[in-house]
Protein backbone atom coordinates (compact mmCIF):
# COMPACT_ATOMS: atom_id res chain seq x y z
CA MET A 1 52.09 -23.07 2.28
CA ASN A 2 50.74 -26.50 1.51
CA ILE A 3 46.71 -26.69 1.35
CA GLU A 4 46.49 -28.25 4.49
CA GLU A 5 47.94 -25.32 6.06
CA ILE A 6 45.74 -23.02 4.55
CA ARG A 7 42.51 -25.29 5.42
CA ALA A 8 43.62 -24.30 9.11
CA LEU A 9 43.59 -20.34 8.68
CA SER A 10 40.56 -18.89 9.61
CA ASP A 11 38.30 -17.10 6.71
CA GLU A 12 40.27 -13.38 7.93
CA GLU A 13 43.56 -15.23 8.13
CA ILE A 14 43.13 -15.89 4.19
CA VAL A 15 41.67 -12.97 3.54
CA LYS A 16 44.90 -11.39 5.07
CA GLU A 17 46.82 -14.33 3.77
CA LEU A 18 46.03 -14.03 -0.33
CA ASP A 19 46.07 -9.58 0.29
CA GLY A 20 50.06 -10.41 1.04
CA GLN A 21 50.71 -13.39 -2.18
CA ARG A 22 48.99 -10.39 -3.84
CA GLU A 23 51.45 -7.08 -2.83
CA GLU A 24 54.03 -10.48 -3.15
CA TRP A 25 53.18 -11.31 -6.58
CA ARG A 26 53.00 -7.52 -8.00
CA ASN A 27 56.70 -6.72 -6.50
CA LEU A 28 58.01 -9.67 -8.33
CA ARG A 29 56.41 -8.67 -11.61
CA PHE A 30 57.83 -5.40 -10.47
CA GLN A 31 61.11 -6.52 -10.41
CA ASP A 32 60.61 -8.46 -13.53
CA ALA A 33 59.94 -5.65 -15.36
CA LEU A 34 63.06 -3.60 -14.51
CA GLY A 35 65.22 -6.38 -15.09
CA ARG A 36 66.00 -7.28 -11.15
CA LEU A 37 64.30 -10.64 -11.33
CA THR A 38 66.64 -13.54 -11.01
CA ALA A 39 64.77 -16.17 -9.36
CA PHE A 40 61.78 -16.28 -11.90
CA HIS A 41 60.22 -19.36 -10.60
CA GLN A 42 58.87 -17.02 -7.53
CA LEU A 43 56.42 -15.92 -9.61
CA ARG A 44 54.86 -19.10 -10.80
CA GLU A 45 55.20 -19.80 -6.66
CA VAL A 46 53.24 -17.52 -6.44
CA ARG A 47 50.73 -17.46 -8.65
CA LYS A 48 49.73 -21.23 -7.37
CA SER A 49 50.12 -19.86 -3.96
CA ILE A 50 46.99 -17.29 -4.84
CA ALA A 51 45.04 -19.74 -6.72
CA ARG A 52 45.28 -22.33 -4.15
CA LEU A 53 43.55 -19.80 -1.34
CA LEU A 54 41.29 -18.63 -3.93
CA THR A 55 40.74 -22.06 -4.02
CA ILE A 56 39.63 -22.87 -0.44
CA GLN A 57 37.92 -19.63 0.10
CA ARG A 58 35.16 -20.74 -2.80
CA GLU A 59 35.24 -24.52 -1.25
CA ARG A 60 34.17 -22.96 2.05
CA GLU A 61 31.21 -20.40 -0.14
CA ILE A 62 30.19 -23.01 -1.77
CA ALA A 63 29.94 -25.33 1.25
CA ALA A 64 28.09 -22.23 3.03
CA ASP A 65 25.41 -22.51 0.72
CA PRO A 66 25.54 -25.68 -1.38
CA GLU A 67 22.00 -25.53 -2.58
CA GLY A 68 22.76 -21.31 -3.60
CA HIS A 69 25.78 -22.78 -5.51
CA PHE A 70 23.78 -25.46 -7.02
CA ALA A 71 20.56 -23.43 -8.02
CA ALA A 72 22.67 -21.10 -9.99
CA THR A 73 24.69 -23.87 -11.54
CA THR A 74 21.63 -25.16 -12.74
CA ARG A 75 20.45 -21.77 -13.97
CA ILE A 76 23.62 -21.14 -16.25
CA ARG A 77 23.40 -24.81 -17.58
CA ALA A 78 20.26 -24.53 -18.87
CA ARG A 79 21.10 -21.56 -20.26
CA ARG A 80 23.09 -23.10 -22.55
CA ARG A 81 21.46 -25.89 -23.24
CA GLN A 82 19.19 -23.21 -24.60
CA GLU A 83 21.81 -20.52 -26.64
CA LYS A 84 22.89 -23.87 -27.71
CA ARG A 85 19.68 -25.16 -28.79
CA ASP A 86 18.48 -21.40 -30.32
CA GLU A 87 22.17 -21.57 -32.05
CA LYS A 88 21.01 -25.05 -33.77
CA VAL A 89 17.66 -23.95 -34.90
CA SER A 90 19.65 -20.18 -36.59
CA GLN A 91 22.13 -22.41 -38.51
CA ARG A 92 19.18 -24.73 -40.11
CA LEU A 93 17.33 -21.90 -41.09
CA TYR A 94 20.24 -19.89 -42.75
CA GLU A 95 21.43 -23.37 -44.62
CA ARG A 96 17.80 -23.84 -46.03
CA ARG A 97 17.72 -19.64 -46.67
CA GLU A 98 20.86 -20.43 -48.60
CA SER A 99 20.41 -23.83 -50.52
CA ARG A 100 17.64 -21.27 -51.57
CA LYS A 101 19.03 -19.30 -53.37
CA HIS A 102 21.51 -21.87 -54.84
CA LYS A 103 18.93 -23.41 -56.66
CA ARG A 104 17.83 -22.94 -59.97
CA ARG A 105 14.56 -22.43 -61.50
CA ARG A 106 13.20 -24.31 -65.15
CA PHE A 107 10.43 -22.89 -66.34
């Protein structure tokens, strides 16, 4: 299935197709483990198909509630920025302590 065919499907059809592709992927992996798989390219194609289905599904979720998506993304980014700042402060404090340990004191 190409991306346009997937976009033409309804949400329920995408879920059914996703379940079918995952089942096919499981079967292909099982055949591979048993040494019966001869067309190894099928594994890659099925994985890509699953990824396409999940991408379209996620696009629709974001389109349904864009404000919620961007609000969550903004919170995540703010948290990561704060973690970076905290890490820099911790690193500076550590460097100061280490530099004090190695200085010689003269009396």
